[in-house]
Each structure stands twice: as C-alpha cells, then as structure tokens.
Amino acid sequence: MKPFRYVILIFLWVAYMVPANAQEKTELIFHQSHEPKKQNAPFSDVVQAGNLYFLAGQIGMDHSTRTLVSGGIQAETQQAIQNISEVLAQHGMTLDNVVKCTVILANIEDFAAFNEIYTQYFTQKPARTTFAAKDLAANGQIEIDVIAVK
C-alpha cells in the first residue's frame, strides 16, 4: 500500500507543478535603438521575448544620412537587409538567426527584382510573407521586418 501512496503523492506534485511552470511570464525587453538619431522614435528597434527577437521594419534608408538610397528596388532591398543585419549584430546574431520575414513592397511588380537580392542574403530560407501596400514610410519601395531566435 505504501508504494501506491508515493505514486499518488508524485502524481499530485506533478499536477501542481506543470501548470505553475506553464504560466511563468516571459520577460519582455524593449531595446533602445543603436542609432543615435532614432533614440526618440515612438517604437523599439527590437522587442525581446525570451529568446525571440522581434525587429521593427527596416526600409532602404542609409542611417548615416537619414535618406533613402538611390538605385531602385534592388538598392533599397540591399540597404534594408544591411540595416537588419546591423540591428541583429547589436544582439549577437546574424541573418542566419532569422526565422520569419514580412516583406512589404510598394509595387508587387518589383517582386522578382527584390527576390534576386533577398535570396543572396537569406540563404537559410526563413518563412516569409510578401505583399504590396501603397505609400510606405519615407516614400520607400520596400520595408522588411523579421523575427529572429537566439
């Protein structure tokens, strides 16, 4: 009879501990931008939830001049990806840590030209959603946001 009591006690302990651990809160960290000119922006460049990093969208803006790069969709795509790489590097990651991309194009007809650049950088092939929207920030042709895992 005693072993049966131990089994009951273990079962009750596990039944108590599993929900308690499942309900632990994940700490959220709202990281300030590494770009001095973006310190007062109304959003975080990165929000960390455990080992997940949610990056704000990046456009084809050269942060040193605060202007869009010239050269069309491919130049803006390359700059946006470079901006993403710089943000990831601030947190000890690379593009290989990216698991999800959301891509917004100003013109869906730019999809093939964008993809030529994108595939050179995202070689791990993260999950991706791509769509077109009118009037992107700073009159850009592309915006990319990512989720990365560390």
C-alpha atoms as a PDB file:
ATOM      1  CA  MET A   1       0.000   0.000   0.000  1.00  0.00           C
ATOM      2  CA  LYS A   2       2.867   2.430   0.716  1.00  0.00           C
ATOM      3  CA  PRO A   3       4.220   2.460  -2.867  1.00  0.00           C
ATOM      4  CA  PHE A   4       0.723   3.365  -4.053  1.00  0.00           C
ATOM      5  CA  ARG A   5       0.712   6.392  -1.699  1.00  0.00           C
ATOM      6  CA  TYR A   6       4.031   7.550  -3.168  1.00  0.00           C
ATOM      7  CA  VAL A   7       2.612   7.261  -6.663  1.00  0.00           C
ATOM      8  CA  ILE A   8      -0.378   9.376  -5.608  1.00  0.00           C
ATOM      9  CA  LEU A   9       1.919  11.980  -3.990  1.00  0.00           C
ATOM     10  CA  ILE A  10       4.122  12.159  -7.086  1.00  0.00           C
ATOM     11  CA  PHE A  11       1.066  12.493  -9.309  1.00  0.00           C
ATOM     12  CA  LEU A  12      -0.322  15.327  -7.184  1.00  0.00           C
ATOM     13  CA  TRP A  13       3.044  17.097  -7.128  1.00  0.00           C
ATOM     14  CA  VAL A  14       3.386  16.851 -10.940  1.00  0.00           C
ATOM     15  CA  ALA A  15      -0.230  18.006 -11.414  1.00  0.00           C
ATOM     16  CA  TYR A  16       0.568  21.071  -9.286  1.00  0.00           C
ATOM     17  CA  MET A  17       3.961  21.894 -10.812  1.00  0.00           C
ATOM     18  CA  VAL A  18       3.148  21.573 -14.534  1.00  0.00           C
ATOM     19  CA  PRO A  19       0.509  24.342 -14.630  1.00  0.00           C
ATOM     20  CA  ALA A  20       2.646  26.517 -12.348  1.00  0.00           C
ATOM     21  CA  ASN A  21       5.600  26.290 -14.750  1.00  0.00           C
ATOM     22  CA  ALA A  22       3.429  26.700 -17.851  1.00  0.00           C
ATOM     23  CA  GLN A  23       2.136  30.019 -16.542  1.00  0.00           C
ATOM     24  CA  GLU A  24       5.535  31.614 -15.934  1.00  0.00           C
ATOM     25  CA  LYS A  25       5.712  35.009 -17.558  1.00  0.00           C
ATOM     26  CA  THR A  26       8.219  35.661 -20.296  1.00  0.00           C
ATOM     27  CA  GLU A  27      10.212  38.796 -19.616  1.00  0.00           C
ATOM     28  CA  LEU A  28       9.796  41.443 -22.301  1.00  0.00           C
ATOM     29  CA  ILE A  29      12.702  43.751 -23.058  1.00  0.00           C
ATOM     30  CA  PHE A  30      12.123  46.817 -25.213  1.00  0.00           C
ATOM     31  CA  HIS A  31      15.585  47.559 -26.596  1.00  0.00           C
ATOM     32  CA  GLN A  32      16.557  51.119 -27.399  1.00  0.00           C
ATOM     33  CA  SER A  33      17.898  51.750 -30.903  1.00  0.00           C
ATOM     34  CA  HIS A  34      21.639  51.639 -31.531  1.00  0.00           C
ATOM     35  CA  GLU A  35      21.121  54.547 -33.957  1.00  0.00           C
ATOM     36  CA  PRO A  36      21.520  57.860 -32.092  1.00  0.00           C
ATOM     37  CA  LYS A  37      19.023  59.634 -34.357  1.00  0.00           C
ATOM     38  CA  LYS A  38      16.372  57.005 -33.579  1.00  0.00           C
ATOM     39  CA  GLN A  39      16.630  57.237 -29.778  1.00  0.00           C
ATOM     40  CA  ASN A  40      13.388  59.226 -29.562  1.00  0.00           C
ATOM     41  CA  ALA A  41      11.415  57.181 -32.098  1.00  0.00           C
ATOM     42  CA  PRO A  42       7.945  56.105 -30.915  1.00  0.00           C
ATOM     43  CA  PHE A  43       8.875  52.422 -31.285  1.00  0.00           C
ATOM     44  CA  SER A  44      11.626  49.978 -30.323  1.00  0.00           C
ATOM     45  CA  ASP A  45      14.045  48.620 -32.915  1.00  0.00           C
ATOM     46  CA  VAL A  46      13.822  45.272 -31.139  1.00  0.00           C
ATOM     47  CA  VAL A  47      11.470  43.746 -28.607  1.00  0.00           C
ATOM     48  CA  GLN A  48      12.855  40.630 -26.939  1.00  0.00           C
ATOM     49  CA  ALA A  49      10.537  37.960 -25.543  1.00  0.00           C
ATOM     50  CA  GLY A  50      12.699  35.203 -24.094  1.00  0.00           C
ATOM     51  CA  ASN A  51      14.884  34.020 -26.968  1.00  0.00           C
ATOM     52  CA  LEU A  52      12.671  35.606 -29.643  1.00  0.00           C
ATOM     53  CA  TYR A  53      13.642  38.961 -31.134  1.00  0.00           C
ATOM     54  CA  PHE A  54      11.003  40.959 -32.996  1.00  0.00           C
ATOM     55  CA  LEU A  55      12.659  43.620 -35.156  1.00  0.00           C
ATOM     56  CA  ALA A  56      10.893  46.741 -36.347  1.00  0.00           C
ATOM     57  CA  GLY A  57      10.569  47.124 -40.086  1.00  0.00           C
ATOM     58  CA  GLN A  58      13.585  48.422 -41.963  1.00  0.00           C
ATOM     59  CA  ILE A  59      13.458  50.422 -45.168  1.00  0.00           C
ATOM     60  CA  GLY A  60      16.204  51.207 -47.652  1.00  0.00           C
ATOM     61  CA  MET A  61      17.412  54.186 -45.633  1.00  0.00           C
ATOM     62  CA  ASP A  62      21.068  54.973 -45.130  1.00  0.00           C
ATOM     63  CA  HIS A  63      21.061  55.766 -41.406  1.00  0.00           C
ATOM     64  CA  SER A  64      24.175  57.919 -41.663  1.00  0.00           C
ATOM     65  CA  THR A  65      22.380  60.389 -43.939  1.00  0.00           C
ATOM     66  CA  ARG A  66      18.762  59.559 -42.994  1.00  0.00           C
ATOM     67  CA  THR A  67      17.852  59.368 -46.701  1.00  0.00           C
ATOM     68  CA  LEU A  68      16.708  56.542 -48.961  1.00  0.00           C
ATOM     69  CA  VAL A  69      19.469  55.064 -51.066  1.00  0.00           C
ATOM     70  CA  SER A  70      19.221  55.668 -54.780  1.00  0.00           C
ATOM     71  CA  GLY A  71      19.133  52.903 -57.347  1.00  0.00           C
ATOM     72  CA  GLY A  72      15.622  51.495 -57.140  1.00  0.00           C
ATOM     73  CA  ILE A  73      14.145  48.422 -55.516  1.00  0.00           C
ATOM     74  CA  GLN A  74      17.327  46.360 -55.524  1.00  0.00           C
ATOM     75  CA  ALA A  75      19.428  49.062 -53.864  1.00  0.00           C
ATOM     76  CA  GLU A  76      16.705  49.685 -51.269  1.00  0.00           C
ATOM     77  CA  THR A  77      16.378  45.942 -50.627  1.00  0.00           C
ATOM     78  CA  GLN A  78      20.108  45.607 -50.076  1.00  0.00           C
ATOM     79  CA  GLN A  79      20.123  48.593 -47.698  1.00  0.00           C
ATOM     80  CA  ALA A  80      17.103  47.311 -45.763  1.00  0.00           C
ATOM     81  CA  ILE A  81      18.829  43.951 -45.293  1.00  0.00           C
ATOM     82  CA  GLN A  82      22.037  45.686 -44.238  1.00  0.00           C
ATOM     83  CA  ASN A  83      20.028  47.645 -41.653  1.00  0.00           C
ATOM     84  CA  ILE A  84      18.507  44.400 -40.371  1.00  0.00           C
ATOM     85  CA  SER A  85      21.991  42.845 -40.155  1.00  0.00           C
ATOM     86  CA  GLU A  86      23.234  45.801 -38.096  1.00  0.00           C
ATOM     87  CA  VAL A  87      20.345  45.531 -35.645  1.00  0.00           C
ATOM     88  CA  LEU A  88      20.859  41.772 -35.307  1.00  0.00           C
ATOM     89  CA  ALA A  89      24.600  42.270 -34.735  1.00  0.00           C
ATOM     90  CA  GLN A  90      23.811  44.534 -31.772  1.00  0.00           C
ATOM     91  CA  HIS A  91      22.260  41.467 -30.166  1.00  0.00           C
ATOM     92  CA  GLY A  92      24.899  38.915 -31.169  1.00  0.00           C
ATOM     93  CA  MET A  93      23.010  37.485 -34.151  1.00  0.00           C
ATOM     94  CA  THR A  94      23.226  37.270 -37.922  1.00  0.00           C
ATOM     95  CA  LEU A  95      20.716  36.759 -40.717  1.00  0.00           C
ATOM     96  CA  ASP A  96      21.025  33.017 -40.035  1.00  0.00           C
ATOM     97  CA  ASN A  97      19.060  33.596 -36.804  1.00  0.00           C
ATOM     98  CA  VAL A  98      16.043  34.905 -38.747  1.00  0.00           C
ATOM     99  CA  VAL A  99      13.066  32.528 -38.794  1.00  0.00           C
ATOM    100  CA  LYS A 100      10.363  34.797 -40.272  1.00  0.00           C
ATOM    101  CA  CYS A 101      10.360  37.761 -42.677  1.00  0.00           C
ATOM    102  CA  THR A 102       7.499  40.021 -43.605  1.00  0.00           C
ATOM    103  CA  VAL A 103       8.173  41.974 -46.777  1.00  0.00           C
ATOM    104  CA  ILE A 104       6.090  44.914 -47.940  1.00  0.00           C
ATOM    105  CA  LEU A 105       6.636  46.156 -51.469  1.00  0.00           C
ATOM    106  CA  ALA A 106       5.257  49.431 -52.795  1.00  0.00           C
ATOM    107  CA  ASN A 107       4.747  47.681 -56.139  1.00  0.00           C
ATOM    108  CA  ILE A 108       4.191  43.925 -56.394  1.00  0.00           C
ATOM    109  CA  GLU A 109       5.712  44.046 -59.878  1.00  0.00           C
ATOM    110  CA  ASP A 110       9.082  44.554 -58.118  1.00  0.00           C
ATOM    111  CA  PHE A 111       8.818  41.053 -56.621  1.00  0.00           C
ATOM    112  CA  ALA A 112      11.312  39.351 -58.970  1.00  0.00           C
ATOM    113  CA  ALA A 113      13.899  42.164 -58.711  1.00  0.00           C
ATOM    114  CA  PHE A 114      13.567  42.202 -54.914  1.00  0.00           C
ATOM    115  CA  ASN A 115      13.887  38.416 -54.744  1.00  0.00           C
ATOM    116  CA  GLU A 116      17.183  38.479 -56.675  1.00  0.00           C
ATOM    117  CA  ILE A 117      18.765  40.437 -53.803  1.00  0.00           C
ATOM    118  CA  TYR A 118      16.840  38.768 -50.959  1.00  0.00           C
ATOM    119  CA  THR A 119      17.959  35.244 -51.903  1.00  0.00           C
ATOM    120  CA  GLN A 120      21.626  36.273 -51.753  1.00  0.00           C
ATOM    121  CA  TYR A 121      21.296  37.148 -48.049  1.00  0.00           C
ATOM    122  CA  PHE A 122      18.638  34.847 -46.580  1.00  0.00           C
ATOM    123  CA  THR A 123      20.255  31.561 -47.524  1.00  0.00           C
ATOM    124  CA  GLN A 124      18.577  29.618 -44.689  1.00  0.00           C
ATOM    125  CA  LYS A 125      15.193  30.358 -46.314  1.00  0.00           C
ATOM    126  CA  PRO A 126      13.188  31.656 -43.325  1.00  0.00           C
ATOM    127  CA  ALA A 127       9.399  31.619 -43.549  1.00  0.00           C
ATOM    128  CA  ARG A 128       8.221  34.679 -45.439  1.00  0.00           C
ATOM    129  CA  THR A 129       5.143  36.716 -46.243  1.00  0.00           C
ATOM    130  CA  THR A 130       5.328  39.231 -49.076  1.00  0.00           C
ATOM    131  CA  PHE A 131       2.643  41.691 -50.125  1.00  0.00           C
ATOM    132  CA  ALA A 132       2.269  45.129 -51.664  1.00  0.00           C
ATOM    133  CA  ALA A 133       0.971  48.263 -49.977  1.00  0.00           C
ATOM    134  CA  LYS A 134       0.665  51.818 -51.130  1.00  0.00           C
ATOM    135  CA  ASP A 135       2.683  54.660 -49.560  1.00  0.00           C
ATOM    136  CA  LEU A 136       5.451  53.086 -47.496  1.00  0.00           C
ATOM    137  CA  ALA A 137       7.445  55.071 -44.928  1.00  0.00           C
ATOM    138  CA  ALA A 138       9.720  57.800 -46.346  1.00  0.00           C
ATOM    139  CA  ASN A 139       8.251  57.055 -49.776  1.00  0.00           C
ATOM    140  CA  GLY A 140      10.325  53.877 -49.913  1.00  0.00           C
ATOM    141  CA  GLN A 141       9.800  50.939 -52.225  1.00  0.00           C
ATOM    142  CA  ILE A 142      10.281  48.198 -49.605  1.00  0.00           C
ATOM    143  CA  GLU A 143      10.041  47.507 -45.872  1.00  0.00           C
ATOM    144  CA  ILE A 144      11.167  44.282 -44.219  1.00  0.00           C
ATOM    145  CA  ASP A 145      10.622  43.144 -40.659  1.00  0.00           C
ATOM    146  CA  VAL A 146      11.932  39.937 -39.146  1.00  0.00           C
ATOM    147  CA  ILE A 147      11.659  37.629 -36.176  1.00  0.00           C
ATOM    148  CA  ALA A 148      14.909  36.037 -35.021  1.00  0.00           C
ATOM    149  CA  VAL A 149      15.718  33.322 -32.480  1.00  0.00           C
ATOM    150  CA  LYS A 150      18.870  33.360 -30.391  1.00  0.00           C
END
